[in-house]
Amino acid sequence: MSSPQKVAILLVNLGSPGDPTKPAIRRFLREFLGDPRVVNLPRWLWLIILYFLILPFRPGKSLKAYRQIWTEQGSPLTFLTRRLTGKLAAKIQQADLDVESTVSMAMRYGQPAMHRELRRLQSQGMDRLVVLPLYPQYSSTTTASVFDVLSTTLAGWRHIPELHFISDYHVQPGYIQGMAAAIEDSWRRQGRGKLLLFSFHGLPEKLTQLGDPYSVQCRNTAEAIAAELNLQADQWRCVYQSRLGRGKWLQPYCAEELQKLPGEGITDIDIVCPGFAVDCLETLEEIAIANQALFLAAGGQKYRYIPALNDSTAHVDALYALLYRQLQR
């Protein structure tokens, strides 16, 4: 009888500074914004902007934001990803599959570094490697950047295991149902607004023209969740947050939409971010704090942020279903 195959599963998230200090934030921003996938400007021009206009000043501004969301456990993105990884590993072990599995996590930027975690898995031996970027929607600025590190790291290996790279899960049934259930649970606990906003991280519109499927997948995710909730067309909208610079990005812009809604008579809303597997600076500070202030200042009355799935049972079950085929012998 042959021995069970060794399957290594690596969950990859964006990353976070190691602590809420200017030096740590500067190191993180240098790595993150220095990635050519992230900013689509001529390299020489962007490096000048990054090193002379952003890195000297942005860490101080970001420090205030990070301190608002930092916990005793550290960065929410890091510890929530770690807890999600642990619960997924436990579920896979309990399933008693005919494979020997290892589930670990890494960050594209910051720690634990992706290339180091891949080498650690290599040292343990594996027959199959499954890499799951925790970005439900594919983008060349996020998912493709994970693949860059993966391919560069594996290029130096003598023995490359069977490889499976999951590029997106934007309409995976478990994820859609989990998001819908989380929204319904929020409605039961906190009440329901007149409008549900689906807010996704923004991208330059040019990337869509170049073939990036992100905007289409975001819309598909929002439509699938809305259908699961039996929402009518006037009960939800799709918006995009975190615009950077003056170029044209995916629209409508979240901040502008929030400031217009009270003028349309919509003063009670819920907002959810289905592009984030776990909560992070962008959801907890920008969406839940800063954008709430914008809405209330414009005349809004009630604003409820609905958290990401984080390490919930629904999220663990959805990822398990996504990985199940790769866990078969």
C-alpha atoms as a PDB file:
ATOM      1  CA  MET A   1       0.000   0.000   0.000  1.00  0.00           C
ATOM      2  CA  SER A   2       1.429   3.388  -1.021  1.00  0.00           C
ATOM      3  CA  SER A   3       1.938   6.117   1.576  1.00  0.00           C
ATOM      4  CA  PRO A   4      -0.391   9.146   1.643  1.00  0.00           C
ATOM      5  CA  GLN A   5       0.547  12.050  -0.579  1.00  0.00           C
ATOM      6  CA  LYS A   6       1.877  15.152   1.137  1.00  0.00           C
ATOM      7  CA  VAL A   7      -0.192  18.211   0.257  1.00  0.00           C
ATOM      8  CA  ALA A   8       0.951  21.678   1.350  1.00  0.00           C
ATOM      9  CA  ILE A   9      -1.643  24.445   1.315  1.00  0.00           C
ATOM     10  CA  LEU A  10      -0.452  28.035   1.501  1.00  0.00           C
ATOM     11  CA  LEU A  11      -2.903  30.863   2.169  1.00  0.00           C
ATOM     12  CA  VAL A  12      -1.487  34.237   1.120  1.00  0.00           C
ATOM     13  CA  ASN A  13      -2.774  37.631   2.202  1.00  0.00           C
ATOM     14  CA  LEU A  14      -1.563  41.149   1.453  1.00  0.00           C
ATOM     15  CA  GLY A  15       0.356  41.862   4.644  1.00  0.00           C
ATOM     16  CA  SER A  16       0.741  44.485   7.338  1.00  0.00           C
ATOM     17  CA  PRO A  17       3.425  46.428   9.198  1.00  0.00           C
ATOM     18  CA  GLY A  18       4.908  44.477  12.086  1.00  0.00           C
ATOM     19  CA  ASP A  19       3.934  47.149  14.590  1.00  0.00           C
ATOM     20  CA  PRO A  20       2.295  50.597  14.590  1.00  0.00           C
ATOM     21  CA  THR A  21       5.470  52.675  14.356  1.00  0.00           C
ATOM     22  CA  LYS A  22       6.795  54.954  11.626  1.00  0.00           C
ATOM     23  CA  PRO A  23       9.849  52.787  10.819  1.00  0.00           C
ATOM     24  CA  ALA A  24       7.741  49.622  10.509  1.00  0.00           C
ATOM     25  CA  ILE A  25       5.132  51.357   8.379  1.00  0.00           C
ATOM     26  CA  ARG A  26       7.847  52.890   6.170  1.00  0.00           C
ATOM     27  CA  ARG A  27       9.418  49.461   5.579  1.00  0.00           C
ATOM     28  CA  PHE A  28       6.023  48.003   4.716  1.00  0.00           C
ATOM     29  CA  LEU A  29       5.091  50.822   2.344  1.00  0.00           C
ATOM     30  CA  ARG A  30       8.491  50.639   0.640  1.00  0.00           C
ATOM     31  CA  GLU A  31       7.961  46.952  -0.119  1.00  0.00           C
ATOM     32  CA  PHE A  32       4.269  47.262  -0.975  1.00  0.00           C
ATOM     33  CA  LEU A  33       4.377  50.401  -3.117  1.00  0.00           C
ATOM     34  CA  GLY A  34       7.704  49.366  -4.621  1.00  0.00           C
ATOM     35  CA  ASP A  35       6.035  46.382  -6.293  1.00  0.00           C
ATOM     36  CA  PRO A  36       5.690  47.168 -10.036  1.00  0.00           C
ATOM     37  CA  ARG A  37       2.355  45.333 -10.027  1.00  0.00           C
ATOM     38  CA  VAL A  38       0.819  47.778  -7.558  1.00  0.00           C
ATOM     39  CA  VAL A  39       1.387  51.111  -9.297  1.00  0.00           C
ATOM     40  CA  ASN A  40       1.158  51.299 -13.061  1.00  0.00           C
ATOM     41  CA  LEU A  41       3.371  54.279 -13.838  1.00  0.00           C
ATOM     42  CA  PRO A  42       6.744  54.423 -15.605  1.00  0.00           C
ATOM     43  CA  ARG A  43       9.160  52.863 -13.145  1.00  0.00           C
ATOM     44  CA  TRP A  44      11.598  55.777 -12.991  1.00  0.00           C
ATOM     45  CA  LEU A  45       8.809  58.280 -12.376  1.00  0.00           C
ATOM     46  CA  TRP A  46       7.125  56.211  -9.686  1.00  0.00           C
ATOM     47  CA  LEU A  47      10.373  55.599  -7.782  1.00  0.00           C
ATOM     48  CA  ILE A  48      10.983  59.342  -7.631  1.00  0.00           C
ATOM     49  CA  ILE A  49       7.445  59.888  -6.300  1.00  0.00           C
ATOM     50  CA  LEU A  50       7.755  57.000  -3.857  1.00  0.00           C
ATOM     51  CA  TYR A  51      11.112  57.915  -2.313  1.00  0.00           C
ATOM     52  CA  PHE A  52      10.815  61.692  -2.325  1.00  0.00           C
ATOM     53  CA  LEU A  53       7.093  62.404  -1.892  1.00  0.00           C
ATOM     54  CA  ILE A  54       5.469  59.361  -0.272  1.00  0.00           C
ATOM     55  CA  LEU A  55       7.895  57.594   2.047  1.00  0.00           C
ATOM     56  CA  PRO A  56       9.051  60.762   3.852  1.00  0.00           C
ATOM     57  CA  PHE A  57       5.461  61.789   4.733  1.00  0.00           C
ATOM     58  CA  ARG A  58       2.960  58.933   4.330  1.00  0.00           C
ATOM     59  CA  PRO A  59       4.151  56.801   7.320  1.00  0.00           C
ATOM     60  CA  GLY A  60       3.217  59.598   9.736  1.00  0.00           C
ATOM     61  CA  LYS A  61      -0.294  59.849   8.308  1.00  0.00           C
ATOM     62  CA  SER A  62      -0.710  56.081   8.172  1.00  0.00           C
ATOM     63  CA  LEU A  63       0.479  55.758  11.782  1.00  0.00           C
ATOM     64  CA  LYS A  64      -2.650  57.516  13.054  1.00  0.00           C
ATOM     65  CA  ALA A  65      -4.845  55.169  11.029  1.00  0.00           C
ATOM     66  CA  TYR A  66      -3.043  52.023  12.173  1.00  0.00           C
ATOM     67  CA  ARG A  67      -3.227  53.056  15.814  1.00  0.00           C
ATOM     68  CA  GLN A  68      -7.005  53.301  15.524  1.00  0.00           C
ATOM     69  CA  ILE A  69      -7.358  49.657  14.532  1.00  0.00           C
ATOM     70  CA  TRP A  70      -4.365  48.007  16.250  1.00  0.00           C
ATOM     71  CA  THR A  71      -5.196  45.451  18.952  1.00  0.00           C
ATOM     72  CA  GLU A  72      -3.391  43.623  21.754  1.00  0.00           C
ATOM     73  CA  GLN A  73      -3.055  40.749  19.280  1.00  0.00           C
ATOM     74  CA  GLY A  74      -1.426  43.028  16.723  1.00  0.00           C
ATOM     75  CA  SER A  75      -2.566  43.827  13.219  1.00  0.00           C
ATOM     76  CA  PRO A  76      -6.140  42.592  12.584  1.00  0.00           C
ATOM     77  CA  LEU A  77      -5.197  41.387   9.114  1.00  0.00           C
ATOM     78  CA  THR A  78      -2.337  39.295  10.491  1.00  0.00           C
ATOM     79  CA  PHE A  79      -3.981  37.702  13.500  1.00  0.00           C
ATOM     80  CA  LEU A  80      -7.298  37.105  11.701  1.00  0.00           C
ATOM     81  CA  THR A  81      -5.489  35.410   8.818  1.00  0.00           C
ATOM     82  CA  ARG A  82      -3.550  33.297  11.323  1.00  0.00           C
ATOM     83  CA  ARG A  83      -6.749  32.228  13.100  1.00  0.00           C
ATOM     84  CA  LEU A  84      -8.463  31.451   9.804  1.00  0.00           C
ATOM     85  CA  THR A  85      -5.474  29.312   8.784  1.00  0.00           C
ATOM     86  CA  GLY A  86      -5.529  27.395  12.063  1.00  0.00           C
ATOM     87  CA  LYS A  87      -9.243  26.671  11.867  1.00  0.00           C
ATOM     88  CA  LEU A  88      -8.979  25.546   8.251  1.00  0.00           C
ATOM     89  CA  ALA A  89      -6.094  23.220   9.173  1.00  0.00           C
ATOM     90  CA  ALA A  90      -8.183  21.726  11.983  1.00  0.00           C
ATOM     91  CA  LYS A  91     -11.154  21.139   9.683  1.00  0.00           C
ATOM     92  CA  ILE A  92      -8.987  19.406   7.080  1.00  0.00           C
ATOM     93  CA  GLN A  93      -7.468  17.152   9.745  1.00  0.00           C
ATOM     94  CA  GLN A  94     -10.893  16.249  11.110  1.00  0.00           C
ATOM     95  CA  ALA A  95     -12.019  15.265   7.610  1.00  0.00           C
ATOM     96  CA  ASP A  96      -9.669  12.250   7.743  1.00  0.00           C
ATOM     97  CA  LEU A  97      -8.712  12.459   4.067  1.00  0.00           C
ATOM     98  CA  ASP A  98      -6.235  10.074   2.493  1.00  0.00           C
ATOM     99  CA  VAL A  99      -3.513  12.715   2.311  1.00  0.00           C
ATOM    100  CA  GLU A 100      -0.985  14.186   4.698  1.00  0.00           C
ATOM    101  CA  SER A 101      -1.766  17.897   4.725  1.00  0.00           C
ATOM    102  CA  THR A 102      -0.025  21.018   5.965  1.00  0.00           C
ATOM    103  CA  VAL A 103      -1.830  24.365   6.019  1.00  0.00           C
ATOM    104  CA  SER A 104       0.162  27.547   6.537  1.00  0.00           C
ATOM    105  CA  MET A 105      -0.062  31.274   5.854  1.00  0.00           C
ATOM    106  CA  ALA A 106       2.203  33.906   4.352  1.00  0.00           C
ATOM    107  CA  MET A 107       2.044  37.569   3.419  1.00  0.00           C
ATOM    108  CA  ARG A 108       2.891  39.058   0.066  1.00  0.00           C
ATOM    109  CA  TYR A 109       4.436  42.033   1.866  1.00  0.00           C
ATOM    110  CA  GLY A 110       5.817  41.950   5.376  1.00  0.00           C
ATOM    111  CA  GLN A 111       5.951  38.872   7.607  1.00  0.00           C
ATOM    112  CA  PRO A 112       5.712  35.926   7.418  1.00  0.00           C
ATOM    113  CA  ALA A 113       7.380  36.417   4.044  1.00  0.00           C
ATOM    114  CA  MET A 114       6.011  34.283   1.243  1.00  0.00           C
ATOM    115  CA  HIS A 115       9.342  33.106  -0.167  1.00  0.00           C
ATOM    116  CA  ARG A 116      10.533  31.988   3.271  1.00  0.00           C
ATOM    117  CA  GLU A 117       7.326  30.070   3.956  1.00  0.00           C
ATOM    118  CA  LEU A 118       7.590  28.320   0.602  1.00  0.00           C
ATOM    119  CA  ARG A 119      11.137  27.235   1.415  1.00  0.00           C
ATOM    120  CA  ARG A 120      10.030  25.989   4.824  1.00  0.00           C
ATOM    121  CA  LEU A 121       7.363  23.863   3.152  1.00  0.00           C
ATOM    122  CA  GLN A 122       9.951  22.611   0.678  1.00  0.00           C
ATOM    123  CA  SER A 123      12.200  21.479   3.531  1.00  0.00           C
ATOM    124  CA  GLN A 124       9.356  19.406   4.957  1.00  0.00           C
ATOM    125  CA  GLY A 125       8.733  17.689   1.636  1.00  0.00           C
ATOM    126  CA  MET A 126       5.545  17.759  -0.423  1.00  0.00           C
ATOM    127  CA  ASP A 127       4.035  16.033  -3.433  1.00  0.00           C
ATOM    128  CA  ARG A 128       1.539  18.776  -4.160  1.00  0.00           C
ATOM    129  CA  LEU A 129       1.449  22.514  -3.473  1.00  0.00           C
ATOM    130  CA  VAL A 130      -1.804  24.467  -3.432  1.00  0.00           C
ATOM    131  CA  VAL A 131      -1.529  28.264  -3.242  1.00  0.00           C
ATOM    132  CA  LEU A 132      -4.635  30.244  -2.410  1.00  0.00           C
ATOM    133  CA  PRO A 133      -4.338  34.056  -2.471  1.00  0.00           C
ATOM    134  CA  LEU A 134      -7.008  35.407  -0.125  1.00  0.00           C
ATOM    135  CA  TYR A 135      -8.337  37.775  -2.780  1.00  0.00           C
ATOM    136  CA  PRO A 136     -11.817  36.622  -3.866  1.00  0.00           C
ATOM    137  CA  GLN A 137     -11.542  38.637  -7.094  1.00  0.00           C
ATOM    138  CA  TYR A 138      -8.522  38.341  -9.372  1.00  0.00           C
ATOM    139  CA  SER A 139      -6.452  41.424 -10.087  1.00  0.00           C
ATOM    140  CA  SER A 140      -3.085  41.879 -11.725  1.00  0.00           C
ATOM    141  CA  THR A 141      -2.206  44.182  -8.808  1.00  0.00           C
ATOM    142  CA  THR A 142      -2.783  41.522  -6.138  1.00  0.00           C
ATOM    143  CA  THR A 143      -3.220  37.929  -7.293  1.00  0.00           C
ATOM    144  CA  ALA A 144      -0.668  38.209 -10.097  1.00  0.00           C
ATOM    145  CA  SER A 145       1.843  39.661  -7.657  1.00  0.00           C
ATOM    146  CA  VAL A 146       1.488  36.538  -5.486  1.00  0.00           C
ATOM    147  CA  PHE A 147       2.129  34.425  -8.565  1.00  0.00           C
ATOM    148  CA  ASP A 148       5.252  36.487  -9.300  1.00  0.00           C
ATOM    149  CA  VAL A 149       6.801  35.510  -5.964  1.00  0.00           C
ATOM    150  CA  LEU A 150       5.643  31.912  -6.346  1.00  0.00           C
ATOM    151  CA  SER A 151       7.158  31.491  -9.804  1.00  0.00           C
ATOM    152  CA  THR A 152      10.400  33.270  -8.880  1.00  0.00           C
ATOM    153  CA  THR A 153      10.847  31.099  -5.791  1.00  0.00           C
ATOM    154  CA  LEU A 154      10.036  27.823  -7.533  1.00  0.00           C
ATOM    155  CA  ALA A 155      12.368  28.701 -10.401  1.00  0.00           C
ATOM    156  CA  GLY A 156      15.286  27.969  -8.087  1.00  0.00           C
ATOM    157  CA  TRP A 157      14.047  24.550  -6.945  1.00  0.00           C
ATOM    158  CA  ARG A 158      15.376  21.263  -8.322  1.00  0.00           C
ATOM    159  CA  HIS A 159      12.140  19.420  -7.611  1.00  0.00           C
ATOM    160  CA  ILE A 160       8.932  21.322  -8.329  1.00  0.00           C
ATOM    161  CA  PRO A 161       5.862  19.612  -6.833  1.00  0.00           C
ATOM    162  CA  GLU A 162       2.536  19.292  -8.566  1.00  0.00           C
ATOM    163  CA  LEU A 163       1.202  22.841  -8.402  1.00  0.00           C
ATOM    164  CA  HIS A 164      -2.283  24.290  -8.187  1.00  0.00           C
ATOM    165  CA  PHE A 165      -2.759  28.069  -8.036  1.00  0.00           C
ATOM    166  CA  ILE A 166      -6.287  29.286  -7.263  1.00  0.00           C
ATOM    167  CA  SER A 167      -6.611  32.600  -9.064  1.00  0.00           C
ATOM    168  CA  ASP A 168     -10.021  33.657  -7.701  1.00  0.00           C
ATOM    169  CA  TYR A 169     -13.197  32.494  -5.995  1.00  0.00           C
ATOM    170  CA  HIS A 170     -15.417  35.466  -6.689  1.00  0.00           C
ATOM    171  CA  VAL A 171     -18.630  33.468  -7.218  1.00  0.00           C
ATOM    172  CA  GLN A 172     -17.740  30.318  -5.283  1.00  0.00           C
ATOM    173  CA  PRO A 173     -21.071  29.197  -3.750  1.00  0.00           C
ATOM    174  CA  GLY A 174     -19.767  28.818  -0.200  1.00  0.00           C
ATOM    175  CA  TYR A 175     -18.268  32.302  -0.218  1.00  0.00           C
ATOM    176  CA  ILE A 176     -21.394  33.912  -1.672  1.00  0.00           C
ATOM    177  CA  GLN A 177     -23.658  32.099   0.779  1.00  0.00           C
ATOM    178  CA  GLY A 178     -21.362  32.958   3.685  1.00  0.00           C
ATOM    179  CA  MET A 179     -21.376  36.654   2.778  1.00  0.00           C
ATOM    180  CA  ALA A 180     -25.163  36.648   2.397  1.00  0.00           C
ATOM    181  CA  ALA A 181     -25.584  34.936   5.769  1.00  0.00           C
ATOM    182  CA  ALA A 182     -23.268  37.477   7.448  1.00  0.00           C
ATOM    183  CA  ILE A 183     -25.315  40.342   5.996  1.00  0.00           C
ATOM    184  CA  GLU A 184     -28.589  38.788   7.146  1.00  0.00           C
ATOM    185  CA  ASP A 185     -27.111  38.247  10.611  1.00  0.00           C
ATOM    186  CA  SER A 186     -26.126  41.919  10.757  1.00  0.00           C
ATOM    187  CA  TRP A 187     -29.635  42.935   9.756  1.00  0.00           C
ATOM    188  CA  ARG A 188     -31.096  40.807  12.556  1.00  0.00           C
ATOM    189  CA  ARG A 189     -28.736  42.238  15.174  1.00  0.00           C
ATOM    190  CA  GLN A 190     -28.406  45.881  14.135  1.00  0.00           C
ATOM    191  CA  GLY A 191     -31.365  46.613  11.917  1.00  0.00           C
ATOM    192  CA  ARG A 192     -31.482  47.032   8.143  1.00  0.00           C
ATOM    193  CA  GLY A 193     -30.787  50.159   6.156  1.00  0.00           C
ATOM    194  CA  LYS A 194     -32.564  51.412   3.070  1.00  0.00           C
ATOM    195  CA  LEU A 195     -29.567  50.598   0.854  1.00  0.00           C
ATOM    196  CA  LEU A 196     -26.777  48.009   0.874  1.00  0.00           C
ATOM    197  CA  LEU A 197     -23.456  49.207  -0.557  1.00  0.00           C
ATOM    198  CA  PHE A 198     -20.936  46.681  -1.853  1.00  0.00           C
ATOM    199  CA  SER A 199     -17.577  48.463  -1.696  1.00  0.00           C
ATOM    200  CA  PHE A 200     -14.493  47.069  -3.421  1.00  0.00           C
ATOM    201  CA  HIS A 201     -10.926  48.321  -3.542  1.00  0.00           C
ATOM    202  CA  GLY A 202     -10.528  50.613  -6.539  1.00  0.00           C
ATOM    203  CA  LEU A 203      -8.240  50.186  -9.533  1.00  0.00           C
ATOM    204  CA  PRO A 204      -7.190  52.487 -12.359  1.00  0.00           C
ATOM    205  CA  GLU A 205      -9.741  52.138 -15.153  1.00  0.00           C
ATOM    206  CA  LYS A 206      -6.880  51.615 -17.602  1.00  0.00           C
ATOM    207  CA  LEU A 207      -6.231  48.142 -16.161  1.00  0.00           C
ATOM    208  CA  THR A 208      -9.690  46.976 -17.220  1.00  0.00           C
ATOM    209  CA  GLN A 209      -8.964  48.193 -20.741  1.00  0.00           C
ATOM    210  CA  LEU A 210      -5.735  46.166 -20.663  1.00  0.00           C
ATOM    211  CA  GLY A 211      -7.640  42.983 -19.817  1.00  0.00           C
ATOM    212  CA  ASP A 212      -7.716  42.854 -16.004  1.00  0.00           C
ATOM    213  CA  PRO A 213     -10.993  41.030 -15.097  1.00  0.00           C
ATOM    214  CA  TYR A 214     -11.236  42.577 -11.640  1.00  0.00           C
ATOM    215  CA  SER A 215     -14.090  45.013 -12.273  1.00  0.00           C
ATOM    216  CA  VAL A 216     -16.208  42.331 -13.951  1.00  0.00           C
ATOM    217  CA  GLN A 217     -15.577  39.894 -11.110  1.00  0.00           C
ATOM    218  CA  CYS A 218     -16.454  42.513  -8.484  1.00  0.00           C
ATOM    219  CA  ARG A 219     -19.750  43.145 -10.208  1.00  0.00           C
ATOM    220  CA  ASN A 220     -20.394  39.410 -10.477  1.00  0.00           C
ATOM    221  CA  THR A 221     -19.725  38.979  -6.746  1.00  0.00           C
ATOM    222  CA  ALA A 222     -22.099  41.796  -5.813  1.00  0.00           C
ATOM    223  CA  GLU A 223     -24.814  40.491  -8.142  1.00  0.00           C
ATOM    224  CA  ALA A 224     -24.476  36.963  -6.753  1.00  0.00           C
ATOM    225  CA  ILE A 225     -24.782  38.123  -3.138  1.00  0.00           C
ATOM    226  CA  ALA A 226     -27.699  40.410  -4.013  1.00  0.00           C
ATOM    227  CA  ALA A 227     -29.445  37.475  -5.719  1.00  0.00           C
ATOM    228  CA  GLU A 228     -28.821  35.255  -2.675  1.00  0.00           C
ATOM    229  CA  LEU A 229     -30.459  37.966  -0.540  1.00  0.00           C
ATOM    230  CA  ASN A 230     -33.341  38.433  -3.024  1.00  0.00           C
ATOM    231  CA  LEU A 231     -32.561  42.145  -3.306  1.00  0.00           C
ATOM    232  CA  GLN A 232     -34.211  44.360  -5.891  1.00  0.00           C
ATOM    233  CA  ALA A 233     -32.085  46.559  -8.149  1.00  0.00           C
ATOM    234  CA  ASP A 234     -32.803  49.702  -6.106  1.00  0.00           C
ATOM    235  CA  GLN A 235     -31.803  48.044  -2.819  1.00  0.00           C
ATOM    236  CA  TRP A 236     -28.065  47.750  -3.519  1.00  0.00           C
ATOM    237  CA  ARG A 237     -25.194  49.481  -5.309  1.00  0.00           C
ATOM    238  CA  CYS A 238     -21.596  48.655  -6.165  1.00  0.00           C
ATOM    239  CA  VAL A 239     -18.898  51.258  -5.374  1.00  0.00           C
ATOM    240  CA  TYR A 240     -15.085  51.452  -5.285  1.00  0.00           C
ATOM    241  CA  GLN A 241     -12.879  52.816  -2.508  1.00  0.00           C
ATOM    242  CA  SER A 242      -9.254  53.884  -1.937  1.00  0.00           C
ATOM    243  CA  ARG A 243      -8.667  55.949  -5.042  1.00  0.00           C
ATOM    244  CA  LEU A 244      -5.048  57.098  -5.351  1.00  0.00           C
ATOM    245  CA  GLY A 245      -3.974  60.067  -7.455  1.00  0.00           C
ATOM    246  CA  ARG A 246      -5.946  62.084  -9.992  1.00  0.00           C
ATOM    247  CA  GLY A 247      -6.310  59.487 -12.739  1.00  0.00           C
ATOM    248  CA  LYS A 248      -9.602  57.886 -13.658  1.00  0.00           C
ATOM    249  CA  TRP A 249     -10.361  54.867 -11.479  1.00  0.00           C
ATOM    250  CA  LEU A 250     -13.249  52.426 -11.351  1.00  0.00           C
ATOM    251  CA  GLN A 251     -16.493  54.238 -10.578  1.00  0.00           C
ATOM    252  CA  PRO A 252     -18.653  55.166  -8.763  1.00  0.00           C
ATOM    253  CA  TYR A 253     -16.247  56.290  -6.057  1.00  0.00           C
ATOM    254  CA  CYS A 254     -17.324  55.195  -2.589  1.00  0.00           C
ATOM    255  CA  ALA A 255     -16.582  58.495  -0.820  1.00  0.00           C
ATOM    256  CA  GLU A 256     -18.451  60.560  -3.403  1.00  0.00           C
ATOM    257  CA  GLU A 257     -21.430  58.213  -3.370  1.00  0.00           C
ATOM    258  CA  LEU A 258     -21.665  58.387   0.425  1.00  0.00           C
ATOM    259  CA  GLN A 259     -21.736  62.180   0.300  1.00  0.00           C
ATOM    260  CA  LYS A 260     -24.497  62.165  -2.341  1.00  0.00           C
ATOM    261  CA  LEU A 261     -26.826  59.610  -0.783  1.00  0.00           C
ATOM    262  CA  PRO A 262     -28.413  61.867   1.878  1.00  0.00           C
ATOM    263  CA  GLY A 263     -29.382  64.266  -0.910  1.00  0.00           C
ATOM    264  CA  GLU A 264     -31.275  61.375  -2.512  1.00  0.00           C
ATOM    265  CA  GLY A 265     -33.174  60.792   0.705  1.00  0.00           C
ATOM    266  CA  ILE A 266     -31.072  57.751   1.683  1.00  0.00           C
ATOM    267  CA  THR A 267     -29.836  58.365   5.224  1.00  0.00           C
ATOM    268  CA  ASP A 268     -29.755  54.783   6.574  1.00  0.00           C
ATOM    269  CA  ILE A 269     -27.317  52.377   4.915  1.00  0.00           C
ATOM    270  CA  ASP A 270     -25.305  49.187   5.367  1.00  0.00           C
ATOM    271  CA  ILE A 271     -21.908  48.734   3.747  1.00  0.00           C
ATOM    272  CA  VAL A 272     -19.932  45.527   3.177  1.00  0.00           C
ATOM    273  CA  CYS A 273     -16.607  44.804   1.459  1.00  0.00           C
ATOM    274  CA  PRO A 274     -16.755  41.385  -0.279  1.00  0.00           C
ATOM    275  CA  GLY A 275     -13.286  41.834  -1.778  1.00  0.00           C
ATOM    276  CA  PHE A 276     -11.614  41.340   1.614  1.00  0.00           C
ATOM    277  CA  ALA A 277     -11.307  37.890   3.141  1.00  0.00           C
ATOM    278  CA  VAL A 278     -10.456  39.358   6.553  1.00  0.00           C
ATOM    279  CA  ASP A 279     -10.711  42.822   8.012  1.00  0.00           C
ATOM    280  CA  CYS A 280      -7.755  45.165   7.688  1.00  0.00           C
ATOM    281  CA  LEU A 281      -6.785  48.839   7.726  1.00  0.00           C
ATOM    282  CA  GLU A 282      -8.834  49.532   4.629  1.00  0.00           C
ATOM    283  CA  THR A 283     -12.074  48.121   6.015  1.00  0.00           C
ATOM    284  CA  LEU A 284     -11.700  48.993   9.704  1.00  0.00           C
ATOM    285  CA  GLU A 285     -10.317  52.516   9.365  1.00  0.00           C
ATOM    286  CA  GLU A 286     -11.242  53.800   5.909  1.00  0.00           C
ATOM    287  CA  ILE A 287     -14.686  52.217   5.553  1.00  0.00           C
ATOM    288  CA  ALA A 288     -15.858  51.772   9.147  1.00  0.00           C
ATOM    289  CA  ILE A 289     -14.457  55.049  10.559  1.00  0.00           C
ATOM    290  CA  ALA A 290     -13.435  57.661   7.964  1.00  0.00           C
ATOM    291  CA  ASN A 291     -16.201  56.985   5.452  1.00  0.00           C
ATOM    292  CA  GLN A 292     -18.811  56.814   8.187  1.00  0.00           C
ATOM    293  CA  ALA A 293     -17.778  60.320   9.199  1.00  0.00           C
ATOM    294  CA  LEU A 294     -18.175  61.489   5.590  1.00  0.00           C
ATOM    295  CA  PHE A 295     -21.675  60.038   5.381  1.00  0.00           C
ATOM    296  CA  LEU A 296     -22.840  61.497   8.687  1.00  0.00           C
ATOM    297  CA  ALA A 297     -21.347  64.906   7.857  1.00  0.00           C
ATOM    298  CA  ALA A 298     -23.305  64.903   4.582  1.00  0.00           C
ATOM    299  CA  GLY A 299     -26.573  64.348   6.438  1.00  0.00           C
ATOM    300  CA  GLY A 300     -26.650  60.597   6.863  1.00  0.00           C
ATOM    301  CA  GLN A 301     -28.166  59.209  10.058  1.00  0.00           C
ATOM    302  CA  LYS A 302     -27.305  55.520  10.321  1.00  0.00           C
ATOM    303  CA  TYR A 303     -24.247  53.776   8.886  1.00  0.00           C
ATOM    304  CA  ARG A 304     -23.414  50.134   9.606  1.00  0.00           C
ATOM    305  CA  TYR A 305     -20.236  48.425   8.474  1.00  0.00           C
ATOM    306  CA  ILE A 306     -20.722  44.650   8.081  1.00  0.00           C
ATOM    307  CA  PRO A 307     -17.413  42.856   8.852  1.00  0.00           C
ATOM    308  CA  ALA A 308     -15.583  40.472   6.536  1.00  0.00           C
ATOM    309  CA  LEU A 309     -16.039  36.732   7.054  1.00  0.00           C
ATOM    310  CA  ASN A 310     -12.731  36.644   8.956  1.00  0.00           C
ATOM    311  CA  ASP A 311     -12.260  33.327  10.802  1.00  0.00           C
ATOM    312  CA  SER A 312     -15.961  32.453  10.918  1.00  0.00           C
ATOM    313  CA  THR A 313     -17.195  28.900  10.431  1.00  0.00           C
ATOM    314  CA  ALA A 314     -18.824  29.964   7.152  1.00  0.00           C
ATOM    315  CA  HIS A 315     -15.480  31.202   5.842  1.00  0.00           C
ATOM    316  CA  VAL A 316     -13.643  28.053   6.912  1.00  0.00           C
ATOM    317  CA  ASP A 317     -16.307  25.908   5.246  1.00  0.00           C
ATOM    318  CA  ALA A 318     -16.137  27.954   2.039  1.00  0.00           C
ATOM    319  CA  LEU A 319     -12.345  27.632   1.772  1.00  0.00           C
ATOM    320  CA  TYR A 320     -12.523  23.933   2.596  1.00  0.00           C
ATOM    321  CA  ALA A 321     -15.011  23.414  -0.232  1.00  0.00           C
ATOM    322  CA  LEU A 322     -12.745  25.388  -2.539  1.00  0.00           C
ATOM    323  CA  LEU A 323      -9.752  23.206  -1.636  1.00  0.00           C
ATOM    324  CA  TYR A 324     -11.533  19.861  -1.380  1.00  0.00           C
ATOM    325  CA  ARG A 325     -10.715  18.625  -4.858  1.00  0.00           C
ATOM    326  CA  GLN A 326      -7.013  19.297  -4.304  1.00  0.00           C
ATOM    327  CA  LEU A 327      -7.165  17.331  -1.061  1.00  0.00           C
ATOM    328  CA  GLN A 328      -8.279  14.174  -2.820  1.00  0.00           C
ATOM    329  CA  ARG A 329      -5.683  11.572  -3.545  1.00  0.00           C
END
